[in-house]
Every structure is written in structure tokens, then in C-alpha cells.
Amino acid sequence: MTGLDRLRRIGILTGILVVSPTALAGAGMNPAQTPVALGLPQSPLPSSQPREKQDEPTPDARGVYKKGPGLTPPQLIKRVEAIYVPEARKKGVTGVCVMSVVVDSQGNPQNIKVVFSIAKLAKPELKKEAEELDASAVRAVSQYRFKPGEYQGDPVPVYVHVEVQFR
């Protein structure tokens, strides 16, 4: 393995590019060779200029906010227990369903989408029961109620992730 191969391997495996003259000489390479001459990717150096702080969260095109500074996240005030589908319980199907939810400015869950399904990890013969648990989780979360998220004292719609466990 040549010095260049060794450096490429180290860079690929660790994500770190070593460019000190000592490291290059230790790899059996001419220290005058640069990362550009070696054909290695260059990482941008940190700017001496401070980055602007993003003090204000900005909503997406639909007007929904993500967590950020100055934004008070929604608080759960009513939780509804998901029904553990009897057939799934009987067959021992367990897992966590993770959903993306928009909590609107009135505290109601909207646009509930499963982002990690119990069925994704289920054995093929248990997929139907796992999908039923996902559906049960969505039904339960649709009945949740929240104190809405706030920005500058006003209620605003906010994205949140909700997990429902079946054990």
C-alpha cells in the first residue's frame, strides 16, 4: 500500500484529512504535496468572521414552525391511550411508532404522518398486525390535545414528533 493509498484509507475510514508535513512524511510522501495535488477533498476552514446567530425561527411555506430559539414548544395536555390490537398482543408484536405531527395554533394535531413504522422491523408474517398498531397509534394521537406552541407570545403551528409504544 502506498502512502497515498494509506492516507486515502485513513481519510475514508475516519473522515479526517491529515495534512501536517510530519504526517505526510510518515506516510512516505513528499510534504510538499497538498491535498489538492493528492486529489483529496478539501474541507472548508472555519471562517474568521462570526456566523450570524439565527435568533428568530422562521416558518416553512405552510406557516409551520420547527423548534428553535424563542419558540415555546407545544405542551401535551390530553393524552389518549392507543389500543393494543388484540391480535397483535396475542402474537407478541411490540414496537414504537414515531409520527410527525403539526400542532396547530389551537393545539390540535394535524397532518399526522408515520415516520417510523412498527411494521418496518416486523417479521413478514406479523406485518399486518404491526400496521394495525401503527394505525391505532395514529388514531390515538389524532385525539391528543396540546397547549399550542408560541412565538413572541402568539400561538403558532409547530412540528413535533410523537412516539407511541406498544409493549
C-alpha atoms as a PDB file:
ATOM      1  CA  MET A   1       0.000   0.000   0.000  1.00  0.00           C
ATOM      2  CA  THR A   2       1.445   3.365  -1.000  1.00  0.00           C
ATOM      3  CA  GLY A   3       1.464   6.395   1.261  1.00  0.00           C
ATOM      4  CA  LEU A   4      -1.295   7.960  -0.850  1.00  0.00           C
ATOM      5  CA  ASP A   5      -3.435   4.830  -0.512  1.00  0.00           C
ATOM      6  CA  ARG A   6      -2.852   4.822   3.231  1.00  0.00           C
ATOM      7  CA  LEU A   7      -3.905   8.478   3.550  1.00  0.00           C
ATOM      8  CA  ARG A   8      -6.973   7.934   1.398  1.00  0.00           C
ATOM      9  CA  ARG A   9      -7.931   4.917   3.523  1.00  0.00           C
ATOM     10  CA  ILE A  10      -7.444   6.868   6.754  1.00  0.00           C
ATOM     11  CA  GLY A  11      -9.486   9.745   5.344  1.00  0.00           C
ATOM     12  CA  ILE A  12     -12.290   7.472   4.208  1.00  0.00           C
ATOM     13  CA  LEU A  13     -12.432   5.466   7.419  1.00  0.00           C
ATOM     14  CA  THR A  14     -12.219   8.362   9.843  1.00  0.00           C
ATOM     15  CA  GLY A  15     -13.480  11.311   7.842  1.00  0.00           C
ATOM     16  CA  ILE A  16     -10.340  13.174   8.926  1.00  0.00           C
ATOM     17  CA  LEU A  17      -7.808  14.548   6.480  1.00  0.00           C
ATOM     18  CA  VAL A  18      -4.301  14.691   7.936  1.00  0.00           C
ATOM     19  CA  VAL A  19      -2.168  17.229   6.097  1.00  0.00           C
ATOM     20  CA  SER A  20       0.653  18.041   8.503  1.00  0.00           C
ATOM     21  CA  PRO A  21       4.144  17.691   6.976  1.00  0.00           C
ATOM     22  CA  THR A  22       5.070  15.167   9.662  1.00  0.00           C
ATOM     23  CA  ALA A  23       2.051  13.012   8.835  1.00  0.00           C
ATOM     24  CA  LEU A  24       2.801  13.190   5.112  1.00  0.00           C
ATOM     25  CA  ALA A  25       6.465  12.316   5.625  1.00  0.00           C
ATOM     26  CA  GLY A  26       5.453   9.465   7.950  1.00  0.00           C
ATOM     27  CA  ALA A  27       3.224   8.115   5.188  1.00  0.00           C
ATOM     28  CA  GLY A  28       6.216   8.053   2.847  1.00  0.00           C
ATOM     29  CA  MET A  29       5.083  11.082   0.878  1.00  0.00           C
ATOM     30  CA  ASN A  30       6.641  14.374  -0.061  1.00  0.00           C
ATOM     31  CA  PRO A  31       5.381  17.007   2.400  1.00  0.00           C
ATOM     32  CA  ALA A  32       5.257  19.486  -0.484  1.00  0.00           C
ATOM     33  CA  GLN A  33       2.258  17.618  -1.898  1.00  0.00           C
ATOM     34  CA  THR A  34      -1.006  19.317  -0.995  1.00  0.00           C
ATOM     35  CA  PRO A  35      -4.481  17.852  -0.569  1.00  0.00           C
ATOM     36  CA  VAL A  36      -5.398  19.287  -3.977  1.00  0.00           C
ATOM     37  CA  ALA A  37      -2.355  17.688  -5.604  1.00  0.00           C
ATOM     38  CA  LEU A  38      -3.258  14.390  -3.917  1.00  0.00           C
ATOM     39  CA  GLY A  39      -6.780  14.557  -5.307  1.00  0.00           C
ATOM     40  CA  LEU A  40      -8.279  14.548  -1.818  1.00  0.00           C
ATOM     41  CA  PRO A  41     -11.324  16.626  -0.954  1.00  0.00           C
ATOM     42  CA  GLN A  42     -10.678  19.850   0.866  1.00  0.00           C
ATOM     43  CA  SER A  43     -12.831  20.788   3.806  1.00  0.00           C
ATOM     44  CA  PRO A  44     -13.648  24.447   4.249  1.00  0.00           C
ATOM     45  CA  LEU A  45     -11.713  26.137   7.017  1.00  0.00           C
ATOM     46  CA  PRO A  46     -13.734  27.846   9.718  1.00  0.00           C
ATOM     47  CA  SER A  47     -14.372  31.443   8.872  1.00  0.00           C
ATOM     48  CA  SER A  48     -12.733  34.112  10.986  1.00  0.00           C
ATOM     49  CA  GLN A  49     -15.994  36.005  10.704  1.00  0.00           C
ATOM     50  CA  PRO A  50     -18.590  35.041  13.304  1.00  0.00           C
ATOM     51  CA  ARG A  51     -21.694  33.487  11.821  1.00  0.00           C
ATOM     52  CA  GLU A  52     -24.908  35.400  12.242  1.00  0.00           C
ATOM     53  CA  LYS A  53     -26.988  33.949  15.027  1.00  0.00           C
ATOM     54  CA  GLN A  54     -30.393  32.858  13.915  1.00  0.00           C
ATOM     55  CA  ASP A  55     -32.399  34.349  16.767  1.00  0.00           C
ATOM     56  CA  GLU A  56     -35.739  34.072  15.076  1.00  0.00           C
ATOM     57  CA  PRO A  57     -37.304  30.822  13.952  1.00  0.00           C
ATOM     58  CA  THR A  58     -38.868  31.061  10.526  1.00  0.00           C
ATOM     59  CA  PRO A  59     -41.939  29.137   9.418  1.00  0.00           C
ATOM     60  CA  ASP A  60     -41.917  26.933   6.340  1.00  0.00           C
ATOM     61  CA  ALA A  61     -44.011  27.700   3.245  1.00  0.00           C
ATOM     62  CA  ARG A  62     -47.135  26.407   5.041  1.00  0.00           C
ATOM     63  CA  GLY A  63     -46.510  28.681   8.036  1.00  0.00           C
ATOM     64  CA  VAL A  64     -45.440  25.858  10.365  1.00  0.00           C
ATOM     65  CA  TYR A  65     -42.511  26.396  12.735  1.00  0.00           C
ATOM     66  CA  LYS A  66     -39.768  23.982  13.769  1.00  0.00           C
ATOM     67  CA  LYS A  67     -38.167  24.015  17.204  1.00  0.00           C
ATOM     68  CA  GLY A  68     -35.804  26.902  17.656  1.00  0.00           C
ATOM     69  CA  PRO A  69     -34.725  29.791  19.857  1.00  0.00           C
ATOM     70  CA  GLY A  70     -37.579  31.990  21.031  1.00  0.00           C
ATOM     71  CA  LEU A  71     -40.192  29.344  20.235  1.00  0.00           C
ATOM     72  CA  THR A  72     -42.083  27.710  23.080  1.00  0.00           C
ATOM     73  CA  PRO A  73     -42.901  24.129  22.043  1.00  0.00           C
ATOM     74  CA  PRO A  74     -46.425  22.711  22.364  1.00  0.00           C
ATOM     75  CA  GLN A  75     -47.223  21.012  25.674  1.00  0.00           C
ATOM     76  CA  LEU A  76     -49.330  17.856  25.819  1.00  0.00           C
ATOM     77  CA  ILE A  77     -52.456  18.413  27.935  1.00  0.00           C
ATOM     78  CA  LYS A  78     -54.630  15.442  26.900  1.00  0.00           C
ATOM     79  CA  ARG A  79     -53.245  12.044  26.021  1.00  0.00           C
ATOM     80  CA  VAL A  80     -55.361   9.177  24.676  1.00  0.00           C
ATOM     81  CA  GLU A  81     -54.071   5.647  25.153  1.00  0.00           C
ATOM     82  CA  ALA A  82     -53.603   3.756  21.880  1.00  0.00           C
ATOM     83  CA  ILE A  83     -55.500   0.482  21.663  1.00  0.00           C
ATOM     84  CA  TYR A  84     -53.186  -2.510  21.643  1.00  0.00           C
ATOM     85  CA  VAL A  85     -54.847  -4.523  18.888  1.00  0.00           C
ATOM     86  CA  PRO A  86     -55.736  -7.904  20.488  1.00  0.00           C
ATOM     87  CA  GLU A  87     -54.367  -9.978  17.601  1.00  0.00           C
ATOM     88  CA  ALA A  88     -51.054  -8.074  17.737  1.00  0.00           C
ATOM     89  CA  ARG A  89     -50.831  -8.553  21.511  1.00  0.00           C
ATOM     90  CA  LYS A  90     -51.645 -12.243  21.150  1.00  0.00           C
ATOM     91  CA  LYS A  91     -48.857 -12.697  18.572  1.00  0.00           C
ATOM     92  CA  GLY A  92     -46.365 -10.686  20.662  1.00  0.00           C
ATOM     93  CA  VAL A  93     -45.945  -7.760  18.270  1.00  0.00           C
ATOM     94  CA  THR A  94     -44.201  -4.872  20.061  1.00  0.00           C
ATOM     95  CA  GLY A  95     -42.536  -1.673  18.977  1.00  0.00           C
ATOM     96  CA  VAL A  96     -42.551   2.093  18.787  1.00  0.00           C
ATOM     97  CA  CYS A  97     -44.459   4.085  16.186  1.00  0.00           C
ATOM     98  CA  VAL A  98     -42.933   7.523  15.579  1.00  0.00           C
ATOM     99  CA  MET A  99     -45.100  10.188  13.980  1.00  0.00           C
ATOM    100  CA  SER A 100     -44.524  13.682  12.676  1.00  0.00           C
ATOM    101  CA  VAL A 101     -47.373  15.923  13.770  1.00  0.00           C
ATOM    102  CA  VAL A 102     -48.245  19.547  13.189  1.00  0.00           C
ATOM    103  CA  VAL A 103     -49.773  21.011  16.344  1.00  0.00           C
ATOM    104  CA  ASP A 104     -51.901  23.866  15.051  1.00  0.00           C
ATOM    105  CA  SER A 105     -52.371  27.225  16.784  1.00  0.00           C
ATOM    106  CA  GLN A 106     -55.446  25.854  18.625  1.00  0.00           C
ATOM    107  CA  GLY A 107     -53.467  22.865  19.997  1.00  0.00           C
ATOM    108  CA  ASN A 108     -54.982  20.246  17.691  1.00  0.00           C
ATOM    109  CA  PRO A 109     -52.835  17.622  15.981  1.00  0.00           C
ATOM    110  CA  GLN A 110     -52.866  17.874  12.184  1.00  0.00           C
ATOM    111  CA  ASN A 111     -51.065  16.197   9.262  1.00  0.00           C
ATOM    112  CA  ILE A 112     -50.124  13.096  11.259  1.00  0.00           C
ATOM    113  CA  LYS A 113     -47.577  11.049   9.331  1.00  0.00           C
ATOM    114  CA  VAL A 114     -45.840   7.869  10.444  1.00  0.00           C
ATOM    115  CA  VAL A 115     -42.102   8.465  10.078  1.00  0.00           C
ATOM    116  CA  PHE A 116     -41.025   5.169  11.647  1.00  0.00           C
ATOM    117  CA  SER A 117     -43.411   2.253  11.418  1.00  0.00           C
ATOM    118  CA  ILE A 118     -43.574  -0.742  13.724  1.00  0.00           C
ATOM    119  CA  ALA A 119     -44.165  -2.744  10.544  1.00  0.00           C
ATOM    120  CA  LYS A 120     -40.735  -1.736   9.223  1.00  0.00           C
ATOM    121  CA  LEU A 121     -38.996  -4.107  11.649  1.00  0.00           C
ATOM    122  CA  ALA A 122     -41.739  -6.732  11.894  1.00  0.00           C
ATOM    123  CA  LYS A 123     -41.355 -10.232  10.518  1.00  0.00           C
ATOM    124  CA  PRO A 124     -43.265 -10.632   7.241  1.00  0.00           C
ATOM    125  CA  GLU A 125     -45.896 -12.870   8.874  1.00  0.00           C
ATOM    126  CA  LEU A 126     -46.562 -10.140  11.514  1.00  0.00           C
ATOM    127  CA  LYS A 127     -46.622  -7.133   9.175  1.00  0.00           C
ATOM    128  CA  LYS A 128     -50.426  -6.885   9.100  1.00  0.00           C
ATOM    129  CA  GLU A 129     -50.667  -6.774  12.901  1.00  0.00           C
ATOM    130  CA  ALA A 130     -47.796  -4.256  13.088  1.00  0.00           C
ATOM    131  CA  GLU A 131     -49.550  -1.996  10.553  1.00  0.00           C
ATOM    132  CA  GLU A 132     -52.701  -2.210  12.683  1.00  0.00           C
ATOM    133  CA  LEU A 133     -50.669  -0.968  15.670  1.00  0.00           C
ATOM    134  CA  ASP A 134     -49.380   1.951  13.573  1.00  0.00           C
ATOM    135  CA  ALA A 135     -52.972   2.808  12.628  1.00  0.00           C
ATOM    136  CA  SER A 136     -54.031   2.569  16.276  1.00  0.00           C
ATOM    137  CA  ALA A 137     -51.233   4.964  17.236  1.00  0.00           C
ATOM    138  CA  VAL A 138     -52.346   7.482  14.578  1.00  0.00           C
ATOM    139  CA  ARG A 139     -55.965   7.265  15.809  1.00  0.00           C
ATOM    140  CA  ALA A 140     -54.862   7.883  19.399  1.00  0.00           C
ATOM    141  CA  VAL A 141     -52.584  10.821  18.536  1.00  0.00           C
ATOM    142  CA  SER A 142     -55.360  12.423  16.471  1.00  0.00           C
ATOM    143  CA  GLN A 143     -57.289  12.729  19.763  1.00  0.00           C
ATOM    144  CA  TYR A 144     -54.411  14.336  21.706  1.00  0.00           C
ATOM    145  CA  ARG A 145     -54.728  17.978  22.736  1.00  0.00           C
ATOM    146  CA  PHE A 146     -51.864  20.391  23.298  1.00  0.00           C
ATOM    147  CA  LYS A 147     -51.241  23.813  24.661  1.00  0.00           C
ATOM    148  CA  PRO A 148     -50.112  25.371  21.370  1.00  0.00           C
ATOM    149  CA  GLY A 149     -46.542  26.392  20.687  1.00  0.00           C
ATOM    150  CA  GLU A 150     -45.887  30.114  20.965  1.00  0.00           C
ATOM    151  CA  TYR A 151     -43.659  32.603  19.265  1.00  0.00           C
ATOM    152  CA  GLN A 152     -43.450  36.121  20.664  1.00  0.00           C
ATOM    153  CA  GLY A 153     -46.490  35.367  22.836  1.00  0.00           C
ATOM    154  CA  ASP A 154     -48.706  34.290  19.936  1.00  0.00           C
ATOM    155  CA  PRO A 155     -49.863  30.707  19.334  1.00  0.00           C
ATOM    156  CA  VAL A 156     -48.306  29.235  16.185  1.00  0.00           C
ATOM    157  CA  PRO A 157     -48.380  25.853  14.431  1.00  0.00           C
ATOM    158  CA  VAL A 158     -45.307  23.733  15.245  1.00  0.00           C
ATOM    159  CA  TYR A 159     -43.879  20.420  14.014  1.00  0.00           C
ATOM    160  CA  VAL A 160     -43.380  17.813  16.745  1.00  0.00           C
ATOM    161  CA  HIS A 161     -42.506  14.115  16.854  1.00  0.00           C
ATOM    162  CA  VAL A 162     -44.721  11.830  18.914  1.00  0.00           C
ATOM    163  CA  GLU A 163     -43.833   8.278  19.922  1.00  0.00           C
ATOM    164  CA  VAL A 164     -46.366   5.614  20.882  1.00  0.00           C
ATOM    165  CA  GLN A 165     -45.017   2.419  22.425  1.00  0.00           C
ATOM    166  CA  PHE A 166     -46.627  -0.989  22.369  1.00  0.00           C
ATOM    167  CA  ARG A 167     -45.045  -3.401  24.884  1.00  0.00           C
END
